[in-house]
C-alpha cells in the first residue's frame, strides 16, 4: 500500500540560491502500490486520516476580519490600534479589545484601556439608533419644507414671471434711451449746417 499525503516536490538547480522548488502535477506522479508490506492496516490508516482532518483548522481569509471591530479602534493615549483577545471564564468565551502597546510593553508605556465587545455592540447600536432617529426627523422636516414649497411654488412662479416682464420692459426702455442719445449725438456732431 502506498501512502501519499502531500504532492511530491522536485528540487531544481537555480543560479540564485542553489535550489528551486516546483510542485509536480498529479498526472506525473509515479505510484507503486504494495511494494513494501504495510505497517498498519488500511482501516487504521483511514481512521487516523479522519481524526487528522477533524484537527485541521480552516484558515480565515486575510482580508476578512474575524472580529467585528478589528482595525477600527485606536487608543486615545498612544494612538496604537486595539487588538481583540478571547477571554475564557467559567466555560464561556468573551472578546475584549485592548491597547496593543499596553499588551506588548505593559503599564510603563500606556495605561490599561480595554473594552468588551458586548459593550461596543450596545454603544454602536445606540449610536446607529440615534442617527436613524435624527435622520427620520430630518426627513420629516424635509417633507414639510417640500409641502410648503409646493404650496408657494405657483405664487413664486407668478412673481418671477412678473419680475421677468418688468426686466424686459426696463431693457426696452434702456434701448430706447440709448437710441435717442445716439440719434441726438449724431444730429449734434454730424450736422452739416454748421
C-alpha atoms as a PDB file:
ATOM      1  CA  UNK A   1       0.000   0.000   0.000  1.00  0.00           C
ATOM      2  CA  UNK A   2       1.386   3.401  -0.992  1.00  0.00           C
ATOM      3  CA  UNK A   3       0.514   6.416   1.102  1.00  0.00           C
ATOM      4  CA  UNK A   4       0.990   9.914  -0.288  1.00  0.00           C
ATOM      5  CA  UNK A   5      -0.250  12.737   1.853  1.00  0.00           C
ATOM      6  CA  UNK A   6       1.378  15.695   0.119  1.00  0.00           C
ATOM      7  CA  UNK A   7       2.202  16.178  -3.542  1.00  0.00           C
ATOM      8  CA  UNK A   8       5.771  15.336  -4.467  1.00  0.00           C
ATOM      9  CA  UNK A   9       8.248  18.182  -4.698  1.00  0.00           C
ATOM     10  CA  UNK A  10      11.060  18.368  -7.246  1.00  0.00           C
ATOM     11  CA  UNK A  11      14.229  20.335  -6.489  1.00  0.00           C
ATOM     12  CA  UNK A  12      15.865  22.030  -9.455  1.00  0.00           C
ATOM     13  CA  UNK A  13      19.190  23.827  -9.522  1.00  0.00           C
ATOM     14  CA  UNK A  14      18.940  27.594  -9.599  1.00  0.00           C
ATOM     15  CA  UNK A  15      21.759  30.098 -10.126  1.00  0.00           C
ATOM     16  CA  UNK A  16      20.452  32.493  -7.451  1.00  0.00           C
ATOM     17  CA  UNK A  17      20.078  30.370  -4.331  1.00  0.00           C
ATOM     18  CA  UNK A  18      21.076  26.903  -5.456  1.00  0.00           C
ATOM     19  CA  UNK A  19      17.559  25.486  -5.062  1.00  0.00           C
ATOM     20  CA  UNK A  20      14.264  25.998  -6.756  1.00  0.00           C
ATOM     21  CA  UNK A  21      11.146  24.116  -5.736  1.00  0.00           C
ATOM     22  CA  UNK A  22       8.386  23.088  -8.113  1.00  0.00           C
ATOM     23  CA  UNK A  23       5.306  21.005  -7.351  1.00  0.00           C
ATOM     24  CA  UNK A  24       4.772  18.106  -9.700  1.00  0.00           C
ATOM     25  CA  UNK A  25       1.245  17.807 -11.143  1.00  0.00           C
ATOM     26  CA  UNK A  26      -0.728  14.768 -10.001  1.00  0.00           C
ATOM     27  CA  UNK A  27      -0.730  13.361 -13.555  1.00  0.00           C
ATOM     28  CA  UNK A  28       3.065  12.998 -13.414  1.00  0.00           C
ATOM     29  CA  UNK A  29       3.175  11.121 -10.095  1.00  0.00           C
ATOM     30  CA  UNK A  30       4.608   7.621 -10.204  1.00  0.00           C
ATOM     31  CA  UNK A  31       2.828   5.380  -7.714  1.00  0.00           C
ATOM     32  CA  UNK A  32       3.958   1.884  -6.827  1.00  0.00           C
ATOM     33  CA  UNK A  33       1.433   0.222  -4.566  1.00  0.00           C
ATOM     34  CA  UNK A  34       2.135  -2.812  -2.372  1.00  0.00           C
ATOM     35  CA  UNK A  35       5.898  -2.611  -2.888  1.00  0.00           C
ATOM     36  CA  UNK A  36       6.502  -2.815   0.863  1.00  0.00           C
ATOM     37  CA  UNK A  37       4.385  -4.632   3.418  1.00  0.00           C
ATOM     38  CA  UNK A  38       2.028  -2.238   5.272  1.00  0.00           C
ATOM     39  CA  UNK A  39       2.887  -1.240   8.833  1.00  0.00           C
ATOM     40  CA  UNK A  40      -0.740  -0.555   9.766  1.00  0.00           C
ATOM     41  CA  UNK A  41      -3.996  -1.786   8.302  1.00  0.00           C
ATOM     42  CA  UNK A  42      -5.916   0.244   5.731  1.00  0.00           C
ATOM     43  CA  UNK A  43      -8.815   0.761   8.214  1.00  0.00           C
ATOM     44  CA  UNK A  44      -6.465   2.154  10.896  1.00  0.00           C
ATOM     45  CA  UNK A  45      -4.860   4.466   8.358  1.00  0.00           C
ATOM     46  CA  UNK A  46      -8.258   5.782   7.186  1.00  0.00           C
ATOM     47  CA  UNK A  47      -9.368   6.274  10.802  1.00  0.00           C
ATOM     48  CA  UNK A  48      -6.167   8.209  11.554  1.00  0.00           C
ATOM     49  CA  UNK A  49      -6.690  10.358   8.442  1.00  0.00           C
ATOM     50  CA  UNK A  50     -10.268  11.113   9.552  1.00  0.00           C
ATOM     51  CA  UNK A  51      -9.007  12.165  13.004  1.00  0.00           C
ATOM     52  CA  UNK A  52      -6.334  14.363  11.417  1.00  0.00           C
ATOM     53  CA  UNK A  53      -8.940  16.030   9.180  1.00  0.00           C
ATOM     54  CA  UNK A  54     -11.003  16.924  12.276  1.00  0.00           C
ATOM     55  CA  UNK A  55      -7.985  18.669  13.793  1.00  0.00           C
ATOM     56  CA  UNK A  56      -7.316  20.842  10.750  1.00  0.00           C
ATOM     57  CA  UNK A  57      -8.355  24.421  11.365  1.00  0.00           C
ATOM     58  CA  UNK A  58      -9.824  26.212   8.441  1.00  0.00           C
ATOM     59  CA  UNK A  59      -7.861  29.309   7.528  1.00  0.00           C
ATOM     60  CA  UNK A  60      -9.569  32.638   7.755  1.00  0.00           C
ATOM     61  CA  UNK A  61      -9.114  34.779   4.661  1.00  0.00           C
ATOM     62  CA  UNK A  62      -6.643  37.534   5.408  1.00  0.00           C
ATOM     63  CA  UNK A  63      -8.938  40.267   4.101  1.00  0.00           C
ATOM     64  CA  UNK A  64     -11.861  39.111   6.259  1.00  0.00           C
ATOM     65  CA  UNK A  65     -11.540  40.198   9.900  1.00  0.00           C
ATOM     66  CA  UNK A  66     -12.583  37.536  12.386  1.00  0.00           C
ATOM     67  CA  UNK A  67     -13.680  40.122  14.965  1.00  0.00           C
ATOM     68  CA  UNK A  68     -16.325  42.764  14.325  1.00  0.00           C
ATOM     69  CA  UNK A  69     -14.266  45.781  15.372  1.00  0.00           C
ATOM     70  CA  UNK A  70     -10.806  44.605  14.278  1.00  0.00           C
ATOM     71  CA  UNK A  71      -8.833  47.522  12.838  1.00  0.00           C
ATOM     72  CA  UNK A  72     -11.459  50.115  13.783  1.00  0.00           C
ATOM     73  CA  UNK A  73     -10.439  51.036  17.333  1.00  0.00           C
ATOM     74  CA  UNK A  74      -7.429  53.058  18.462  1.00  0.00           C
ATOM     75  CA  UNK A  75      -6.018  54.006  21.871  1.00  0.00           C
ATOM     76  CA  UNK A  76      -6.819  57.538  22.970  1.00  0.00           C
ATOM     77  CA  UNK A  77      -3.455  57.929  24.733  1.00  0.00           C
ATOM     78  CA  UNK A  78      -0.823  56.402  22.463  1.00  0.00           C
ATOM     79  CA  UNK A  79      -2.788  56.032  19.202  1.00  0.00           C
ATOM     80  CA  UNK A  80      -1.966  52.333  18.840  1.00  0.00           C
ATOM     81  CA  UNK A  81      -4.671  50.051  17.452  1.00  0.00           C
ATOM     82  CA  UNK A  82      -6.766  47.908  19.747  1.00  0.00           C
ATOM     83  CA  UNK A  83      -6.398  44.146  19.344  1.00  0.00           C
ATOM     84  CA  UNK A  84      -9.002  41.502  20.114  1.00  0.00           C
ATOM     85  CA  UNK A  85      -8.364  38.973  22.837  1.00  0.00           C
ATOM     86  CA  UNK A  86     -10.556  35.980  23.633  1.00  0.00           C
ATOM     87  CA  UNK A  87     -11.097  35.666  27.401  1.00  0.00           C
ATOM     88  CA  UNK A  88     -12.298  32.331  28.779  1.00  0.00           C
ATOM     89  CA  UNK A  89     -14.040  32.288  32.140  1.00  0.00           C
ATOM     90  CA  UNK A  90     -16.273  29.621  33.689  1.00  0.00           C
ATOM     91  CA  UNK A  91     -16.697  27.813  30.381  1.00  0.00           C
ATOM     92  CA  UNK A  92     -17.727  30.890  28.413  1.00  0.00           C
ATOM     93  CA  UNK A  93     -15.743  32.994  25.989  1.00  0.00           C
ATOM     94  CA  UNK A  94     -15.896  36.755  25.614  1.00  0.00           C
ATOM     95  CA  UNK A  95     -13.978  39.073  23.337  1.00  0.00           C
ATOM     96  CA  UNK A  96     -12.150  42.092  24.715  1.00  0.00           C
ATOM     97  CA  UNK A  97     -10.285  44.786  22.826  1.00  0.00           C
ATOM     98  CA  UNK A  98      -7.111  46.077  24.445  1.00  0.00           C
ATOM     99  CA  UNK A  99      -4.441  48.634  23.571  1.00  0.00           C
ATOM    100  CA  UNK A 100      -1.696  46.898  21.596  1.00  0.00           C
ATOM    101  CA  UNK A 101       1.062  48.973  23.227  1.00  0.00           C
ATOM    102  CA  UNK A 102      -0.180  48.089  26.714  1.00  0.00           C
ATOM    103  CA  UNK A 103      -0.498  44.430  25.769  1.00  0.00           C
ATOM    104  CA  UNK A 104       3.042  44.217  24.378  1.00  0.00           C
ATOM    105  CA  UNK A 105       5.008  46.537  26.678  1.00  0.00           C
ATOM    106  CA  UNK A 106       2.953  46.807  29.855  1.00  0.00           C
ATOM    107  CA  UNK A 107       1.813  49.665  32.050  1.00  0.00           C
ATOM    108  CA  UNK A 108       5.092  51.587  31.709  1.00  0.00           C
ATOM    109  CA  UNK A 109       4.261  52.621  28.126  1.00  0.00           C
ATOM    110  CA  UNK A 110       0.466  53.046  28.168  1.00  0.00           C
ATOM    111  CA  UNK A 111      -2.442  52.721  30.537  1.00  0.00           C
ATOM    112  CA  UNK A 112      -4.758  49.731  30.510  1.00  0.00           C
ATOM    113  CA  UNK A 113      -7.507  50.514  28.017  1.00  0.00           C
ATOM    114  CA  UNK A 114      -9.866  47.653  27.362  1.00  0.00           C
ATOM    115  CA  UNK A 115     -13.475  47.275  26.346  1.00  0.00           C
ATOM    116  CA  UNK A 116     -15.722  44.261  25.919  1.00  0.00           C
ATOM    117  CA  UNK A 117     -17.251  43.504  22.552  1.00  0.00           C
ATOM    118  CA  UNK A 118     -20.740  43.311  24.093  1.00  0.00           C
ATOM    119  CA  UNK A 119     -20.369  46.866  25.415  1.00  0.00           C
ATOM    120  CA  UNK A 120     -19.185  48.033  21.986  1.00  0.00           C
ATOM    121  CA  UNK A 121     -22.220  46.337  20.430  1.00  0.00           C
ATOM    122  CA  UNK A 122     -24.531  48.271  22.769  1.00  0.00           C
ATOM    123  CA  UNK A 123     -22.717  51.566  22.100  1.00  0.00           C
ATOM    124  CA  UNK A 124     -22.786  51.061  18.333  1.00  0.00           C
ATOM    125  CA  UNK A 125     -26.477  50.107  18.445  1.00  0.00           C
ATOM    126  CA  UNK A 126     -27.294  53.239  20.456  1.00  0.00           C
ATOM    127  CA  UNK A 127     -25.338  55.412  18.012  1.00  0.00           C
ATOM    128  CA  UNK A 128     -26.991  53.812  14.979  1.00  0.00           C
ATOM    129  CA  UNK A 129     -30.438  54.152  16.587  1.00  0.00           C
ATOM    130  CA  UNK A 130     -29.850  57.817  17.457  1.00  0.00           C
ATOM    131  CA  UNK A 131     -28.565  58.505  13.941  1.00  0.00           C
ATOM    132  CA  UNK A 132     -31.575  56.725  12.456  1.00  0.00           C
ATOM    133  CA  UNK A 133     -33.973  58.760  14.600  1.00  0.00           C
ATOM    134  CA  UNK A 134     -32.289  62.066  13.734  1.00  0.00           C
ATOM    135  CA  UNK A 135     -32.341  61.189  10.034  1.00  0.00           C
ATOM    136  CA  UNK A 136     -36.036  60.301  10.303  1.00  0.00           C
ATOM    137  CA  UNK A 137     -36.721  63.694  11.939  1.00  0.00           C
ATOM    138  CA  UNK A 138     -34.714  65.469   9.228  1.00  0.00           C
ATOM    139  CA  UNK A 139     -36.673  63.570   6.593  1.00  0.00           C
ATOM    140  CA  UNK A 140     -39.947  64.733   8.176  1.00  0.00           C
ATOM    141  CA  UNK A 141     -38.693  68.346   8.190  1.00  0.00           C
ATOM    142  CA  UNK A 142     -37.629  67.990   4.580  1.00  0.00           C
ATOM    143  CA  UNK A 143     -41.075  66.637   3.648  1.00  0.00           C
ATOM    144  CA  UNK A 144     -42.723  69.598   5.415  1.00  0.00           C
ATOM    145  CA  UNK A 145     -40.441  72.041   3.604  1.00  0.00           C
ATOM    146  CA  UNK A 146     -41.281  70.319   0.331  1.00  0.00           C
ATOM    147  CA  UNK A 147     -45.017  70.676   1.037  1.00  0.00           C
ATOM    148  CA  UNK A 148     -44.580  74.370   1.862  1.00  0.00           C
ATOM    149  CA  UNK A 149     -42.547  74.840  -1.309  1.00  0.00           C
ATOM    150  CA  UNK A 150     -45.194  73.025  -3.355  1.00  0.00           C
ATOM    151  CA  UNK A 151     -47.864  75.377  -1.974  1.00  0.00           C
ATOM    152  CA  UNK A 152     -45.778  78.501  -2.565  1.00  0.00           C
ATOM    153  CA  UNK A 153     -44.396  77.483  -5.964  1.00  0.00           C
ATOM    154  CA  UNK A 154     -47.313  78.801  -8.088  1.00  0.00           C
ATOM    155  CA  UNK A 155     -47.198  82.131  -6.250  1.00  0.00           C
ATOM    156  CA  UNK A 156     -43.430  82.372  -6.626  1.00  0.00           C
ATOM    157  CA  UNK A 157     -43.619  81.348 -10.296  1.00  0.00           C
ATOM    158  CA  UNK A 158     -46.140  84.111 -10.939  1.00  0.00           C
ATOM    159  CA  UNK A 159     -43.943  86.610  -9.091  1.00  0.00           C
ATOM    160  CA  UNK A 160     -40.882  85.506 -11.117  1.00  0.00           C
ATOM    161  CA  UNK A 161     -42.859  85.895 -14.348  1.00  0.00           C
ATOM    162  CA  UNK A 162     -43.952  89.387 -13.300  1.00  0.00           C
ATOM    163  CA  UNK A 163     -40.358  90.359 -12.476  1.00  0.00           C
ATOM    164  CA  UNK A 164     -39.144  88.980 -15.810  1.00  0.00           C
ATOM    165  CA  UNK A 165     -41.719  91.125 -17.619  1.00  0.00           C
ATOM    166  CA  UNK A 166     -40.542  94.185 -15.665  1.00  0.00           C
ATOM    167  CA  UNK A 167     -36.924  93.411 -16.544  1.00  0.00           C
ATOM    168  CA  UNK A 168     -37.881  93.095 -20.213  1.00  0.00           C
ATOM    169  CA  UNK A 169     -39.732  96.465 -20.130  1.00  0.00           C
ATOM    170  CA  UNK A 170     -36.766  98.125 -18.430  1.00  0.00           C
ATOM    171  CA  UNK A 171     -34.363  96.684 -21.020  1.00  0.00           C
ATOM    172  CA  UNK A 172     -36.596  98.078 -23.790  1.00  0.00           C
ATOM    173  CA  UNK A 173     -36.626 101.494 -22.088  1.00  0.00           C
ATOM    174  CA  UNK A 174     -32.817 101.392 -21.804  1.00  0.00           C
ATOM    175  CA  UNK A 175     -32.530 100.501 -25.504  1.00  0.00           C
ATOM    176  CA  UNK A 176     -34.862 103.374 -26.415  1.00  0.00           C
ATOM    177  CA  UNK A 177     -32.900 105.866 -24.272  1.00  0.00           C
ATOM    178  CA  UNK A 178     -29.591 104.696 -25.771  1.00  0.00           C
ATOM    179  CA  UNK A 179     -31.006 105.064 -29.298  1.00  0.00           C
ATOM    180  CA  UNK A 180     -32.324 108.557 -28.511  1.00  0.00           C
ATOM    181  CA  UNK A 181     -28.896 109.574 -27.176  1.00  0.00           C
ATOM    182  CA  UNK A 182     -27.150 108.145 -30.240  1.00  0.00           C
ATOM    183  CA  UNK A 183     -29.507 109.997 -32.592  1.00  0.00           C
ATOM    184  CA  UNK A 184     -29.030 113.219 -30.614  1.00  0.00           C
ATOM    185  CA  UNK A 185     -25.263 112.738 -30.683  1.00  0.00           C
ATOM    186  CA  UNK A 186     -25.340 112.088 -34.434  1.00  0.00           C
ATOM    187  CA  UNK A 187     -27.526 115.104 -35.073  1.00  0.00           C
ATOM    188  CA  UNK A 188     -25.363 117.352 -32.934  1.00  0.00           C
ATOM    189  CA  UNK A 189     -21.942 116.321 -34.279  1.00  0.00           C
ATOM    190  CA  UNK A 190     -22.764 115.213 -37.768  1.00  0.00           C
ATOM    191  CA  UNK A 191     -24.984 118.118 -38.724  1.00  0.00           C
ATOM    192  CA  UNK A 192     -23.654 119.705 -41.957  1.00  0.00           C
ATOM    193  CA  UNK A 193     -25.229 123.045 -41.376  1.00  0.00           C
ATOM    194  CA  UNK A 194     -22.590 124.300 -39.061  1.00  0.00           C
END
